[in-house]
């Protein structure tokens, strides 16, 4: 069965014109995650938002590093499922 790739995406935060940043990646590249595991933490104003893995697999890419700004809909990283 071919591997599938799932994007970790910044959700709509409901904060008009407010920049969010990646506070901390909670798992390293190459780490195995399960669906729903916390993967990355965003800082938006005084609030922190934990983003969960959309699928189980391996975190294979980070498109944004810590302390970089992000916007809703932006891909933060990729999780590959069915890795051998």
N, C-alpha and C. Protein backbone atom coordinates (compact mmCIF):
# COMPACT_ATOMS: atom_id res chain seq x y z
N UNK A 1 0.85 -1.18 0.00
CA UNK A 1 0.00 0.00 0.00
C UNK A 1 0.89 1.24 0.00
N UNK A 2 0.64 2.18 -0.91
CA UNK A 2 1.49 3.38 -0.98
C UNK A 2 1.31 4.27 0.24
N UNK A 3 2.38 4.99 0.55
CA UNK A 3 2.34 5.92 1.68
C UNK A 3 1.44 7.10 1.33
N UNK A 4 0.78 7.63 2.36
CA UNK A 4 -0.04 8.83 2.19
C UNK A 4 0.60 9.94 2.99
N UNK A 5 0.46 11.16 2.51
CA UNK A 5 1.02 12.32 3.19
C UNK A 5 -0.12 13.20 3.68
N UNK A 6 -0.04 13.60 4.94
CA UNK A 6 -1.07 14.43 5.58
C UNK A 6 -0.42 15.72 6.06
N UNK A 7 -1.04 16.84 5.75
CA UNK A 7 -0.49 18.15 6.14
C UNK A 7 -0.98 18.56 7.52
N UNK A 8 -0.07 19.14 8.30
CA UNK A 8 -0.43 19.82 9.55
C UNK A 8 -0.64 21.27 9.15
N UNK A 9 -1.87 21.77 9.30
CA UNK A 9 -2.26 23.07 8.76
C UNK A 9 -2.69 24.01 9.89
N UNK A 10 -2.31 25.28 9.77
CA UNK A 10 -2.75 26.30 10.73
C UNK A 10 -4.26 26.48 10.56
N UNK A 11 -5.03 26.31 11.64
CA UNK A 11 -6.47 26.50 11.55
C UNK A 11 -6.84 27.99 11.55
N UNK A 12 -8.09 28.27 11.23
CA UNK A 12 -8.61 29.62 11.37
C UNK A 12 -8.70 29.88 12.87
N UNK A 13 -8.00 30.88 13.35
CA UNK A 13 -7.90 31.13 14.79
C UNK A 13 -8.94 32.12 15.29
N UNK A 14 -9.66 32.77 14.39
CA UNK A 14 -10.69 33.71 14.82
C UNK A 14 -10.14 34.98 15.43
N UNK A 15 -8.91 35.30 15.11
CA UNK A 15 -8.26 36.50 15.64
C UNK A 15 -7.93 37.40 14.46
N UNK A 16 -8.75 38.43 14.22
CA UNK A 16 -8.54 39.27 13.04
C UNK A 16 -7.20 39.98 13.04
N UNK A 17 -6.52 39.86 11.90
CA UNK A 17 -5.25 40.57 11.69
C UNK A 17 -4.21 40.32 12.78
N UNK A 18 -4.32 39.20 13.45
CA UNK A 18 -3.36 38.92 14.51
C UNK A 18 -2.41 37.83 14.04
N UNK A 19 -1.14 38.10 14.13
CA UNK A 19 -0.15 37.12 13.69
C UNK A 19 0.03 36.05 14.75
N UNK A 20 0.17 34.84 14.29
CA UNK A 20 0.52 33.72 15.17
C UNK A 20 1.93 33.29 14.80
N UNK A 21 2.60 32.67 15.75
CA UNK A 21 3.94 32.15 15.49
C UNK A 21 4.01 30.72 16.00
N UNK A 22 4.94 29.96 15.42
CA UNK A 22 5.21 28.62 15.93
C UNK A 22 6.01 28.80 17.22
N UNK A 23 5.43 28.37 18.32
CA UNK A 23 6.09 28.49 19.62
C UNK A 23 7.10 27.37 19.79
N UNK A 24 6.65 26.12 19.60
CA UNK A 24 7.55 24.98 19.78
C UNK A 24 7.00 23.76 19.04
N UNK A 25 7.90 23.04 18.40
CA UNK A 25 7.55 21.74 17.84
C UNK A 25 7.62 20.75 19.00
N UNK A 26 6.56 19.98 19.18
CA UNK A 26 6.48 19.05 20.31
C UNK A 26 7.04 17.67 19.99
N UNK A 27 7.28 17.41 18.71
CA UNK A 27 7.90 16.14 18.30
C UNK A 27 9.01 16.44 17.30
N UNK A 28 10.09 15.68 17.34
CA UNK A 28 11.19 15.91 16.40
C UNK A 28 10.89 15.30 15.03
N UNK A 29 11.60 15.78 14.02
CA UNK A 29 11.51 15.16 12.70
C UNK A 29 11.84 13.68 12.82
N UNK A 30 11.10 12.86 12.10
CA UNK A 30 11.34 11.43 12.13
C UNK A 30 10.60 10.70 13.23
N UNK A 31 9.91 11.46 14.08
CA UNK A 31 9.17 10.83 15.19
C UNK A 31 7.86 10.23 14.70
N UNK A 32 7.51 9.10 15.29
CA UNK A 32 6.21 8.48 15.02
C UNK A 32 5.16 9.17 15.87
N UNK A 33 4.01 9.47 15.26
CA UNK A 33 2.89 10.08 15.97
C UNK A 33 1.63 9.29 15.67
N UNK A 34 0.67 9.42 16.57
CA UNK A 34 -0.65 8.82 16.36
C UNK A 34 -1.64 9.93 16.07
N UNK A 35 -2.73 9.60 15.43
CA UNK A 35 -3.79 10.57 15.18
C UNK A 35 -4.18 11.23 16.50
N UNK A 36 -4.19 12.55 16.52
CA UNK A 36 -4.57 13.29 17.72
C UNK A 36 -3.43 13.67 18.64
N UNK A 37 -2.23 13.10 18.42
CA UNK A 37 -1.07 13.50 19.23
C UNK A 37 -0.77 14.98 18.99
N UNK A 38 -0.39 15.68 20.04
CA UNK A 38 0.04 17.08 19.90
C UNK A 38 1.36 17.11 19.15
N UNK A 39 1.42 17.94 18.10
CA UNK A 39 2.59 17.98 17.24
C UNK A 39 3.33 19.31 17.35
N UNK A 40 2.58 20.40 17.38
CA UNK A 40 3.18 21.74 17.38
C UNK A 40 2.30 22.69 18.19
N UNK A 41 2.95 23.66 18.80
CA UNK A 41 2.23 24.66 19.60
C UNK A 41 2.40 26.02 18.94
N UNK A 42 1.27 26.71 18.75
CA UNK A 42 1.29 28.07 18.20
C UNK A 42 1.05 29.07 19.31
N UNK A 43 1.60 30.25 19.14
CA UNK A 43 1.35 31.37 20.05
C UNK A 43 0.63 32.44 19.25
N UNK A 44 -0.57 32.80 19.72
CA UNK A 44 -1.38 33.83 19.06
C UNK A 44 -1.79 34.83 20.12
N UNK A 45 -1.10 35.96 20.17
CA UNK A 45 -1.36 36.91 21.24
C UNK A 45 -0.94 36.30 22.56
N UNK A 46 -1.87 36.26 23.52
CA UNK A 46 -1.59 35.66 24.82
C UNK A 46 -2.02 34.20 24.89
N UNK A 47 -2.58 33.68 23.80
CA UNK A 47 -3.10 32.31 23.80
C UNK A 47 -2.13 31.35 23.13
N UNK A 48 -2.12 30.12 23.62
CA UNK A 48 -1.39 29.05 22.95
C UNK A 48 -2.39 28.06 22.38
N UNK A 49 -2.07 27.55 21.21
CA UNK A 49 -2.94 26.60 20.53
C UNK A 49 -2.11 25.39 20.14
N UNK A 50 -2.50 24.22 20.64
CA UNK A 50 -1.82 22.98 20.27
C UNK A 50 -2.49 22.40 19.04
N UNK A 51 -1.68 22.02 18.06
CA UNK A 51 -2.21 21.38 16.86
C UNK A 51 -1.91 19.89 16.92
N UNK A 52 -2.92 19.10 16.57
CA UNK A 52 -2.82 17.65 16.65
C UNK A 52 -2.47 17.05 15.29
N UNK A 53 -1.89 15.88 15.33
CA UNK A 53 -1.59 15.13 14.11
C UNK A 53 -2.91 14.73 13.44
N UNK A 54 -3.07 15.04 12.15
CA UNK A 54 -4.31 14.66 11.46
C UNK A 54 -4.38 13.17 11.14
N UNK A 55 -3.24 12.49 11.26
CA UNK A 55 -3.18 11.05 10.97
C UNK A 55 -1.95 10.49 11.66
N UNK A 56 -1.94 9.19 11.83
CA UNK A 56 -0.77 8.53 12.39
C UNK A 56 0.30 8.35 11.32
N UNK A 57 1.55 8.36 11.76
CA UNK A 57 2.65 8.17 10.82
C UNK A 57 3.92 8.79 11.36
N UNK A 58 4.75 9.29 10.46
CA UNK A 58 6.04 9.86 10.81
C UNK A 58 6.08 11.32 10.34
N UNK A 59 6.53 12.21 11.23
CA UNK A 59 6.72 13.61 10.85
C UNK A 59 7.95 13.67 9.94
N UNK A 60 7.71 13.89 8.64
CA UNK A 60 8.80 13.82 7.66
C UNK A 60 9.30 15.18 7.19
N UNK A 61 8.50 16.22 7.39
CA UNK A 61 8.94 17.56 6.96
C UNK A 61 8.39 18.61 7.90
N UNK A 62 9.18 19.66 8.08
CA UNK A 62 8.74 20.89 8.74
C UNK A 62 8.91 22.01 7.72
N UNK A 63 7.84 22.72 7.46
CA UNK A 63 7.91 23.83 6.52
C UNK A 63 8.16 25.15 7.23
N UNK A 64 7.96 25.17 8.55
CA UNK A 64 8.13 26.38 9.35
C UNK A 64 8.88 25.99 10.62
N UNK A 65 9.80 26.83 11.03
CA UNK A 65 10.56 26.57 12.26
C UNK A 65 10.02 27.41 13.41
N UNK A 66 10.51 27.14 14.60
CA UNK A 66 10.08 27.86 15.79
C UNK A 66 10.35 29.35 15.65
N UNK A 67 9.45 30.15 16.21
CA UNK A 67 9.50 31.62 16.21
C UNK A 67 9.20 32.25 14.85
N UNK A 68 8.79 31.47 13.86
CA UNK A 68 8.41 32.03 12.57
C UNK A 68 6.91 32.32 12.55
N UNK A 69 6.49 33.42 11.91
CA UNK A 69 5.06 33.74 11.82
C UNK A 69 4.34 32.80 10.86
N UNK A 70 3.05 32.57 11.13
CA UNK A 70 2.22 31.71 10.29
C UNK A 70 0.84 32.35 10.11
N UNK A 71 0.13 31.90 9.10
CA UNK A 71 -1.22 32.39 8.81
C UNK A 71 -2.16 31.21 8.64
N UNK A 72 -3.48 31.42 8.85
CA UNK A 72 -4.44 30.33 8.66
C UNK A 72 -4.33 29.72 7.26
N UNK A 73 -4.39 28.40 7.22
CA UNK A 73 -4.29 27.67 5.97
C UNK A 73 -2.88 27.28 5.57
N UNK A 74 -1.89 27.81 6.27
CA UNK A 74 -0.49 27.52 5.95
C UNK A 74 -0.12 26.11 6.40
N UNK A 75 0.62 25.41 5.57
CA UNK A 75 1.11 24.07 5.91
C UNK A 75 2.35 24.22 6.78
N UNK A 76 2.30 23.60 7.96
CA UNK A 76 3.43 23.66 8.90
C UNK A 76 4.38 22.50 8.71
N UNK A 77 3.83 21.34 8.40
CA UNK A 77 4.65 20.15 8.25
C UNK A 77 3.85 19.03 7.62
N UNK A 78 4.55 17.92 7.36
CA UNK A 78 3.92 16.77 6.72
C UNK A 78 4.14 15.51 7.52
N UNK A 79 3.08 14.71 7.62
CA UNK A 79 3.13 13.41 8.27
C UNK A 79 2.88 12.35 7.21
N UNK A 80 3.79 11.39 7.11
CA UNK A 80 3.65 10.32 6.14
C UNK A 80 3.17 9.07 6.87
N UNK A 81 2.07 8.51 6.39
CA UNK A 81 1.56 7.28 6.99
C UNK A 81 1.96 6.08 6.14
N UNK A 82 1.87 4.90 6.74
CA UNK A 82 2.27 3.65 6.09
C UNK A 82 3.73 3.64 5.70
N UNK A 83 4.57 4.21 6.58
CA UNK A 83 6.01 4.19 6.35
C UNK A 83 6.55 2.82 6.73
N UNK A 84 7.50 2.34 5.97
CA UNK A 84 8.12 1.06 6.30
C UNK A 84 9.44 1.29 6.99
